[in-house]
Amino acid sequence: MGRVGALSRTLFGLGLASLATAAVLFILVLTGVIDGKTRGSMIDLVTPVGPQLVQERTPQPTEAGPPPSDAPIASLAIPRFGIDAPVQVKGVDANNVMEPPDGPRNVAWYEFSSKPGRPGNAVFSGHVDYVNYGEAVFWHLKDLTASDTIEVHLEDQTVYKYAVQAVQSVPAEPTEEQLRAIVGPSTKDVITLITCGGTWNPETHQYDHRTVVRAIRVIDQAPAAASGA
């Protein structure tokens, strides 16, 4: 279950007023192993949702809704794939490195991003595979389509539902403009999910792309209650 140290890291500079008052350097590195082979740098960045989206359909959510809950985030669910993963609050460490989730079945929510349930962009990440484990929580992220729903569950049993708007595969080294599009603010209530994708390079111990999913909130008459609550 221990995390293997990254064999290489890619640095990306951001100048996002929503995240810091000056340019801040962010790195996100997740590592793992499948079938005894080191899988380094599962995620090296927060990646973009921009004009090159692979799949795109803009849902028409109701704009007005009940006041957002202030309860902590409990879990993230993707019903199509039977995922119901505990969410950990993460940030950046002393070296401005974005902290990864602690294990293969956990999801990280970044406290520098928006909180679900209100206008803004809530950023989540998860492993695609993991050391001595295999397929991890976001293994099927690339398989989501515009008909799928993602749920964010809070500790007070509130559930916010999000319709998948876009699934994108992006290079591991995006432009600053692309990075701004991912972690920057939004006037809508959206979530961004990130994991590794593309081809594994055994020489660099890197995946050459990242899979990014953007979803927009669909508001019911009231926030849904978790099943069995």
C-alpha atoms as a PDB file:
ATOM      1  CA  MET A   1       0.000   0.000   0.000  1.00  0.00           C
ATOM      2  CA  GLY A   2       2.995   2.301   0.323  1.00  0.00           C
ATOM      3  CA  ARG A   3       3.524   4.911  -2.368  1.00  0.00           C
ATOM      4  CA  VAL A   4       6.609   4.526  -4.556  1.00  0.00           C
ATOM      5  CA  GLY A   5       8.635   7.711  -4.931  1.00  0.00           C
ATOM      6  CA  ALA A   6       8.365   9.334  -8.347  1.00  0.00           C
ATOM      7  CA  LEU A   7      11.337   8.704 -10.602  1.00  0.00           C
ATOM      8  CA  SER A   8      10.810  11.955 -12.421  1.00  0.00           C
ATOM      9  CA  ARG A   9       8.665  15.065 -11.959  1.00  0.00           C
ATOM     10  CA  THR A  10       7.505  17.728 -14.358  1.00  0.00           C
ATOM     11  CA  LEU A  11       7.198  21.291 -13.116  1.00  0.00           C
ATOM     12  CA  PHE A  12       4.428  23.627 -14.159  1.00  0.00           C
ATOM     13  CA  GLY A  13       4.089  27.299 -13.258  1.00  0.00           C
ATOM     14  CA  LEU A  14       0.695  28.843 -12.532  1.00  0.00           C
ATOM     15  CA  GLY A  15      -0.249  32.435 -11.928  1.00  0.00           C
ATOM     16  CA  LEU A  16      -3.848  31.943 -10.797  1.00  0.00           C
ATOM     17  CA  ALA A  17      -5.269  34.648  -8.587  1.00  0.00           C
ATOM     18  CA  SER A  18      -7.874  32.169  -7.353  1.00  0.00           C
ATOM     19  CA  LEU A  19      -5.118  29.967  -5.917  1.00  0.00           C
ATOM     20  CA  ALA A  20      -2.452  32.413  -4.802  1.00  0.00           C
ATOM     21  CA  THR A  21      -1.583  36.065  -4.814  1.00  0.00           C
ATOM     22  CA  ALA A  22       1.510  35.425  -6.917  1.00  0.00           C
ATOM     23  CA  ALA A  23       2.810  32.792  -9.315  1.00  0.00           C
ATOM     24  CA  VAL A  24       2.966  29.441  -7.526  1.00  0.00           C
ATOM     25  CA  LEU A  25       4.533  26.211  -8.704  1.00  0.00           C
ATOM     26  CA  PHE A  26       2.335  23.125  -8.443  1.00  0.00           C
ATOM     27  CA  ILE A  27       3.277  19.493  -8.982  1.00  0.00           C
ATOM     28  CA  LEU A  28       1.014  16.487  -8.571  1.00  0.00           C
ATOM     29  CA  VAL A  29       2.758  13.111  -8.677  1.00  0.00           C
ATOM     30  CA  LEU A  30       1.097   9.759  -8.007  1.00  0.00           C
ATOM     31  CA  THR A  31       3.000   6.521  -8.375  1.00  0.00           C
ATOM     32  CA  GLY A  32       2.259   2.825  -8.494  1.00  0.00           C
ATOM     33  CA  VAL A  33       3.162  -0.617  -9.754  1.00  0.00           C
ATOM     34  CA  ILE A  34       1.290  -3.128 -11.903  1.00  0.00           C
ATOM     35  CA  ASP A  35       2.514  -6.725 -12.354  1.00  0.00           C
ATOM     36  CA  GLY A  36       5.792  -5.877 -10.669  1.00  0.00           C
ATOM     37  CA  LYS A  37       6.636  -3.030 -13.052  1.00  0.00           C
ATOM     38  CA  THR A  38       7.104   0.433 -11.628  1.00  0.00           C
ATOM     39  CA  ARG A  39       4.483   2.929 -12.729  1.00  0.00           C
ATOM     40  CA  GLY A  40       5.879   6.333 -11.851  1.00  0.00           C
ATOM     41  CA  SER A  41       4.127   9.690 -12.025  1.00  0.00           C
ATOM     42  CA  MET A  42       0.511   8.615 -12.241  1.00  0.00           C
ATOM     43  CA  ILE A  43      -0.389  12.307 -12.293  1.00  0.00           C
ATOM     44  CA  ASP A  44       2.084  15.108 -12.831  1.00  0.00           C
ATOM     45  CA  LEU A  45      -0.265  18.024 -13.231  1.00  0.00           C
ATOM     46  CA  VAL A  46      -3.664  19.488 -13.105  1.00  0.00           C
ATOM     47  CA  THR A  47      -4.791  19.298 -16.679  1.00  0.00           C
ATOM     48  CA  PRO A  48      -7.048  21.304 -18.988  1.00  0.00           C
ATOM     49  CA  VAL A  49     -10.596  21.388 -20.102  1.00  0.00           C
ATOM     50  CA  GLY A  50     -10.524  23.673 -23.106  1.00  0.00           C
ATOM     51  CA  PRO A  51     -11.420  23.938 -26.787  1.00  0.00           C
ATOM     52  CA  GLN A  52      -9.959  20.543 -27.757  1.00  0.00           C
ATOM     53  CA  LEU A  53     -12.406  18.497 -25.687  1.00  0.00           C
ATOM     54  CA  VAL A  54     -12.876  14.985 -27.008  1.00  0.00           C
ATOM     55  CA  GLN A  55     -16.497  14.636 -25.916  1.00  0.00           C
ATOM     56  CA  GLU A  56     -18.627  17.609 -25.115  1.00  0.00           C
ATOM     57  CA  ARG A  57     -22.260  18.091 -24.293  1.00  0.00           C
ATOM     58  CA  THR A  58     -23.444  20.941 -22.155  1.00  0.00           C
ATOM     59  CA  PRO A  59     -26.255  19.846 -19.820  1.00  0.00           C
ATOM     60  CA  GLN A  60     -28.906  22.353 -18.910  1.00  0.00           C
ATOM     61  CA  PRO A  61     -28.901  22.341 -15.096  1.00  0.00           C
ATOM     62  CA  THR A  62     -31.323  24.389 -13.055  1.00  0.00           C
ATOM     63  CA  GLU A  63     -29.442  27.515 -11.973  1.00  0.00           C
ATOM     64  CA  ALA A  64     -31.360  28.113  -8.746  1.00  0.00           C
ATOM     65  CA  GLY A  65     -31.132  25.662  -5.900  1.00  0.00           C
ATOM     66  CA  PRO A  66     -31.074  25.310  -2.141  1.00  0.00           C
ATOM     67  CA  PRO A  67     -28.242  26.908  -0.159  1.00  0.00           C
ATOM     68  CA  PRO A  68     -25.068  24.814  -0.254  1.00  0.00           C
ATOM     69  CA  SER A  69     -24.158  22.634   2.692  1.00  0.00           C
ATOM     70  CA  ASP A  70     -21.037  23.385   4.717  1.00  0.00           C
ATOM     71  CA  ALA A  71     -20.595  19.750   5.720  1.00  0.00           C
ATOM     72  CA  PRO A  72     -17.252  18.111   4.877  1.00  0.00           C
ATOM     73  CA  ILE A  73     -16.940  16.014   1.722  1.00  0.00           C
ATOM     74  CA  ALA A  74     -17.296  12.310   2.514  1.00  0.00           C
ATOM     75  CA  SER A  75     -17.010  10.431  -0.779  1.00  0.00           C
ATOM     76  CA  LEU A  76     -17.129  10.585  -4.555  1.00  0.00           C
ATOM     77  CA  ALA A  77     -19.296   8.101  -6.446  1.00  0.00           C
ATOM     78  CA  ILE A  78     -19.424   7.086 -10.100  1.00  0.00           C
ATOM     79  CA  PRO A  79     -22.495   4.811 -10.261  1.00  0.00           C
ATOM     80  CA  ARG A  80     -21.770   3.397 -13.725  1.00  0.00           C
ATOM     81  CA  PHE A  81     -18.599   1.725 -12.470  1.00  0.00           C
ATOM     82  CA  GLY A  82     -19.709   1.008  -8.913  1.00  0.00           C
ATOM     83  CA  ILE A  83     -17.225   3.491  -7.467  1.00  0.00           C
ATOM     84  CA  ASP A  84     -17.861   4.949  -4.029  1.00  0.00           C
ATOM     85  CA  ALA A  85     -14.508   6.298  -2.879  1.00  0.00           C
ATOM     86  CA  PRO A  86     -13.642   8.115   0.345  1.00  0.00           C
ATOM     87  CA  VAL A  87     -12.414  11.654  -0.230  1.00  0.00           C
ATOM     88  CA  GLN A  88      -9.372  13.093   1.508  1.00  0.00           C
ATOM     89  CA  VAL A  89      -8.654  16.790   1.823  1.00  0.00           C
ATOM     90  CA  LYS A  90      -5.293  17.574   0.262  1.00  0.00           C
ATOM     91  CA  GLY A  91      -3.296  20.676  -0.526  1.00  0.00           C
ATOM     92  CA  VAL A  92       0.329  21.435  -1.314  1.00  0.00           C
ATOM     93  CA  ASP A  93       3.330  20.599   0.836  1.00  0.00           C
ATOM     94  CA  ALA A  94       6.260  22.813   1.824  1.00  0.00           C
ATOM     95  CA  ASN A  95       7.715  22.385  -1.662  1.00  0.00           C
ATOM     96  CA  ASN A  96       4.450  23.428  -3.332  1.00  0.00           C
ATOM     97  CA  VAL A  97       3.883  19.846  -4.461  1.00  0.00           C
ATOM     98  CA  MET A  98       0.232  18.853  -4.755  1.00  0.00           C
ATOM     99  CA  GLU A  99      -0.365  15.996  -2.377  1.00  0.00           C
ATOM    100  CA  PRO A 100      -1.729  12.739  -3.876  1.00  0.00           C
ATOM    101  CA  PRO A 101      -4.423  10.573  -2.278  1.00  0.00           C
ATOM    102  CA  ASP A 102      -3.011   8.049   0.168  1.00  0.00           C
ATOM    103  CA  GLY A 103      -4.089   4.823  -1.490  1.00  0.00           C
ATOM    104  CA  PRO A 104      -5.512   3.152  -4.589  1.00  0.00           C
ATOM    105  CA  ARG A 105      -9.168   3.547  -3.593  1.00  0.00           C
ATOM    106  CA  ASN A 106      -9.017   7.077  -2.200  1.00  0.00           C
ATOM    107  CA  VAL A 107      -9.766  10.340  -4.011  1.00  0.00           C
ATOM    108  CA  ALA A 108      -8.160  13.685  -3.202  1.00  0.00           C
ATOM    109  CA  TRP A 109     -10.052  16.969  -3.141  1.00  0.00           C
ATOM    110  CA  TYR A 110      -7.815  20.059  -3.171  1.00  0.00           C
ATOM    111  CA  GLU A 111      -8.580  22.704  -0.591  1.00  0.00           C
ATOM    112  CA  PHE A 112      -7.258  25.453  -2.870  1.00  0.00           C
ATOM    113  CA  SER A 113     -10.109  24.657  -5.284  1.00  0.00           C
ATOM    114  CA  SER A 114     -13.818  25.307  -4.873  1.00  0.00           C
ATOM    115  CA  LYS A 115     -16.037  23.226  -2.635  1.00  0.00           C
ATOM    116  CA  PRO A 116     -18.813  21.315  -4.425  1.00  0.00           C
ATOM    117  CA  GLY A 117     -22.314  22.684  -4.160  1.00  0.00           C
ATOM    118  CA  ARG A 118     -21.536  26.290  -5.049  1.00  0.00           C
ATOM    119  CA  PRO A 119     -20.236  28.163  -8.107  1.00  0.00           C
ATOM    120  CA  GLY A 120     -16.622  27.301  -8.786  1.00  0.00           C
ATOM    121  CA  ASN A 121     -14.335  24.508  -9.897  1.00  0.00           C
ATOM    122  CA  ALA A 122     -13.722  21.659  -7.432  1.00  0.00           C
ATOM    123  CA  VAL A 123     -10.593  19.687  -8.371  1.00  0.00           C
ATOM    124  CA  PHE A 124     -10.226  15.987  -7.556  1.00  0.00           C
ATOM    125  CA  SER A 125      -7.548  13.429  -8.379  1.00  0.00           C
ATOM    126  CA  GLY A 126      -7.118   9.667  -8.051  1.00  0.00           C
ATOM    127  CA  HIS A 127      -4.719   6.913  -9.010  1.00  0.00           C
ATOM    128  CA  VAL A 128      -5.254   5.018 -12.248  1.00  0.00           C
ATOM    129  CA  ASP A 129      -3.196   2.074 -10.951  1.00  0.00           C
ATOM    130  CA  TYR A 130      -1.169   1.446  -7.815  1.00  0.00           C
ATOM    131  CA  VAL A 131       1.796  -0.423  -6.364  1.00  0.00           C
ATOM    132  CA  ASN A 132       1.060  -4.104  -5.646  1.00  0.00           C
ATOM    133  CA  TYR A 133      -2.626  -3.449  -6.291  1.00  0.00           C
ATOM    134  CA  GLY A 134      -3.453  -3.038  -9.967  1.00  0.00           C
ATOM    135  CA  GLU A 135      -6.430  -1.074 -11.295  1.00  0.00           C
ATOM    136  CA  ALA A 136      -7.142   1.828  -8.973  1.00  0.00           C
ATOM    137  CA  VAL A 137     -10.118   4.110  -8.316  1.00  0.00           C
ATOM    138  CA  PHE A 138      -9.879   6.163 -11.542  1.00  0.00           C
ATOM    139  CA  TRP A 139      -9.016   3.284 -13.868  1.00  0.00           C
ATOM    140  CA  HIS A 140     -12.276   3.781 -15.792  1.00  0.00           C
ATOM    141  CA  LEU A 141     -12.206   7.566 -15.856  1.00  0.00           C
ATOM    142  CA  LYS A 142     -11.391   7.534 -19.580  1.00  0.00           C
ATOM    143  CA  ASP A 143     -14.508   5.441 -20.256  1.00  0.00           C
ATOM    144  CA  LEU A 144     -17.000   7.994 -18.953  1.00  0.00           C
ATOM    145  CA  THR A 145     -19.391   9.554 -21.452  1.00  0.00           C
ATOM    146  CA  ALA A 146     -21.754  12.503 -21.515  1.00  0.00           C
ATOM    147  CA  SER A 147     -24.584  10.273 -20.281  1.00  0.00           C
ATOM    148  CA  ASP A 148     -22.830   9.467 -17.011  1.00  0.00           C
ATOM    149  CA  THR A 149     -23.290  11.001 -13.578  1.00  0.00           C
ATOM    150  CA  ILE A 150     -20.779  11.693 -10.819  1.00  0.00           C
ATOM    151  CA  GLU A 151     -21.947  12.219  -7.242  1.00  0.00           C
ATOM    152  CA  VAL A 152     -20.246  14.084  -4.410  1.00  0.00           C
ATOM    153  CA  HIS A 153     -21.488  12.904  -1.010  1.00  0.00           C
ATOM    154  CA  LEU A 154     -21.167  15.104   2.079  1.00  0.00           C
ATOM    155  CA  GLU A 155     -21.060  13.962   5.688  1.00  0.00           C
ATOM    156  CA  ASP A 156     -24.554  15.326   6.375  1.00  0.00           C
ATOM    157  CA  GLN A 157     -25.966  12.944   3.703  1.00  0.00           C
ATOM    158  CA  THR A 158     -26.258  15.698   1.086  1.00  0.00           C
ATOM    159  CA  VAL A 159     -25.458  14.449  -2.420  1.00  0.00           C
ATOM    160  CA  TYR A 160     -24.565  16.785  -5.277  1.00  0.00           C
ATOM    161  CA  LYS A 161     -25.006  15.297  -8.745  1.00  0.00           C
ATOM    162  CA  TYR A 162     -22.868  16.249 -11.726  1.00  0.00           C
ATOM    163  CA  ALA A 163     -23.436  15.400 -15.401  1.00  0.00           C
ATOM    164  CA  VAL A 164     -20.301  14.562 -17.360  1.00  0.00           C
ATOM    165  CA  GLN A 165     -19.712  17.369 -19.810  1.00  0.00           C
ATOM    166  CA  ALA A 166     -16.356  16.465 -21.305  1.00  0.00           C
ATOM    167  CA  VAL A 167     -13.706  13.739 -21.329  1.00  0.00           C
ATOM    168  CA  GLN A 168     -10.295  14.760 -22.582  1.00  0.00           C
ATOM    169  CA  SER A 169      -6.877  13.231 -23.058  1.00  0.00           C
ATOM    170  CA  VAL A 170      -4.180  15.883 -22.875  1.00  0.00           C
ATOM    171  CA  PRO A 171      -0.374  15.867 -23.154  1.00  0.00           C
ATOM    172  CA  ALA A 172       1.574  15.520 -19.943  1.00  0.00           C
ATOM    173  CA  GLU A 173       3.049  18.970 -20.495  1.00  0.00           C
ATOM    174  CA  PRO A 174       0.182  21.382 -21.195  1.00  0.00           C
ATOM    175  CA  THR A 175       0.540  25.079 -21.741  1.00  0.00           C
ATOM    176  CA  GLU A 176       0.028  27.619 -18.992  1.00  0.00           C
ATOM    177  CA  GLU A 177      -3.196  28.662 -20.703  1.00  0.00           C
ATOM    178  CA  GLN A 178      -4.444  25.080 -20.560  1.00  0.00           C
ATOM    179  CA  LEU A 179      -3.530  24.801 -16.895  1.00  0.00           C
ATOM    180  CA  ARG A 180      -5.467  27.964 -16.135  1.00  0.00           C
ATOM    181  CA  ALA A 181      -8.485  26.412 -17.839  1.00  0.00           C
ATOM    182  CA  ILE A 182      -8.340  23.429 -15.485  1.00  0.00           C
ATOM    183  CA  VAL A 183      -7.860  24.846 -12.028  1.00  0.00           C
ATOM    184  CA  GLY A 184      -9.146  28.346 -12.680  1.00  0.00           C
ATOM    185  CA  PRO A 185     -12.468  29.597 -11.317  1.00  0.00           C
ATOM    186  CA  SER A 186     -15.835  28.938 -12.931  1.00  0.00           C
ATOM    187  CA  THR A 187     -19.138  30.768 -12.736  1.00  0.00           C
ATOM    188  CA  LYS A 188     -20.838  27.346 -12.762  1.00  0.00           C
ATOM    189  CA  ASP A 189     -20.745  24.613 -10.139  1.00  0.00           C
ATOM    190  CA  VAL A 190     -18.335  22.176 -11.824  1.00  0.00           C
ATOM    191  CA  ILE A 191     -15.941  19.439 -10.804  1.00  0.00           C
ATOM    192  CA  THR A 192     -12.719  18.369 -12.518  1.00  0.00           C
ATOM    193  CA  LEU A 193     -11.378  14.808 -12.133  1.00  0.00           C
ATOM    194  CA  ILE A 194      -7.801  13.968 -13.140  1.00  0.00           C
ATOM    195  CA  THR A 195      -5.766  10.800 -13.531  1.00  0.00           C
ATOM    196  CA  CYS A 196      -3.055   9.339 -15.752  1.00  0.00           C
ATOM    197  CA  GLY A 197      -3.644   8.238 -19.321  1.00  0.00           C
ATOM    198  CA  GLY A 198      -2.035   7.565 -22.643  1.00  0.00           C
ATOM    199  CA  THR A 199       1.017   5.356 -23.115  1.00  0.00           C
ATOM    200  CA  TRP A 200       3.404   4.180 -20.413  1.00  0.00           C
ATOM    201  CA  ASN A 201       7.056   4.929 -21.202  1.00  0.00           C
ATOM    202  CA  PRO A 202       9.336   2.425 -19.420  1.00  0.00           C
ATOM    203  CA  GLU A 203      12.373   4.635 -19.985  1.00  0.00           C
ATOM    204  CA  THR A 204      11.013   7.811 -18.442  1.00  0.00           C
ATOM    205  CA  HIS A 205       8.633   5.986 -16.076  1.00  0.00           C
ATOM    206  CA  GLN A 206       5.890   8.352 -17.166  1.00  0.00           C
ATOM    207  CA  TYR A 207       2.518   8.220 -18.819  1.00  0.00           C
ATOM    208  CA  ASP A 208       2.522  10.589 -21.763  1.00  0.00           C
ATOM    209  CA  HIS A 209      -1.026  11.921 -21.297  1.00  0.00           C
ATOM    210  CA  ARG A 210      -3.534  12.742 -18.589  1.00  0.00           C
ATOM    211  CA  THR A 211      -7.239  11.974 -18.565  1.00  0.00           C
ATOM    212  CA  VAL A 212      -9.403  14.886 -17.465  1.00  0.00           C
ATOM    213  CA  VAL A 213     -13.150  14.786 -16.858  1.00  0.00           C
ATOM    214  CA  ARG A 214     -15.232  17.942 -16.433  1.00  0.00           C
ATOM    215  CA  ALA A 215     -18.773  17.626 -15.065  1.00  0.00           C
ATOM    216  CA  ILE A 216     -21.406  20.265 -14.332  1.00  0.00           C
ATOM    217  CA  ARG A 217     -23.937  20.148 -11.533  1.00  0.00           C
ATOM    218  CA  VAL A 218     -27.499  19.095 -12.195  1.00  0.00           C
ATOM    219  CA  ILE A 219     -29.741  20.495  -9.481  1.00  0.00           C
ATOM    220  CA  ASP A 220     -32.803  18.612  -8.272  1.00  0.00           C
ATOM    221  CA  GLN A 221     -35.602  20.226  -6.313  1.00  0.00           C
ATOM    222  CA  ALA A 222     -33.446  19.663  -3.233  1.00  0.00           C
ATOM    223  CA  PRO A 223     -30.059  18.052  -2.619  1.00  0.00           C
ATOM    224  CA  ALA A 224     -30.422  14.297  -2.864  1.00  0.00           C
ATOM    225  CA  ALA A 225     -30.131  12.183   0.257  1.00  0.00           C
ATOM    226  CA  ALA A 226     -27.676   9.326   0.278  1.00  0.00           C
ATOM    227  CA  SER A 227     -29.295   5.927  -0.152  1.00  0.00           C
ATOM    228  CA  GLY A 228     -30.125   4.247   3.111  1.00  0.00           C
ATOM    229  CA  ALA A 229     -29.898   7.507   5.042  1.00  0.00           C
END
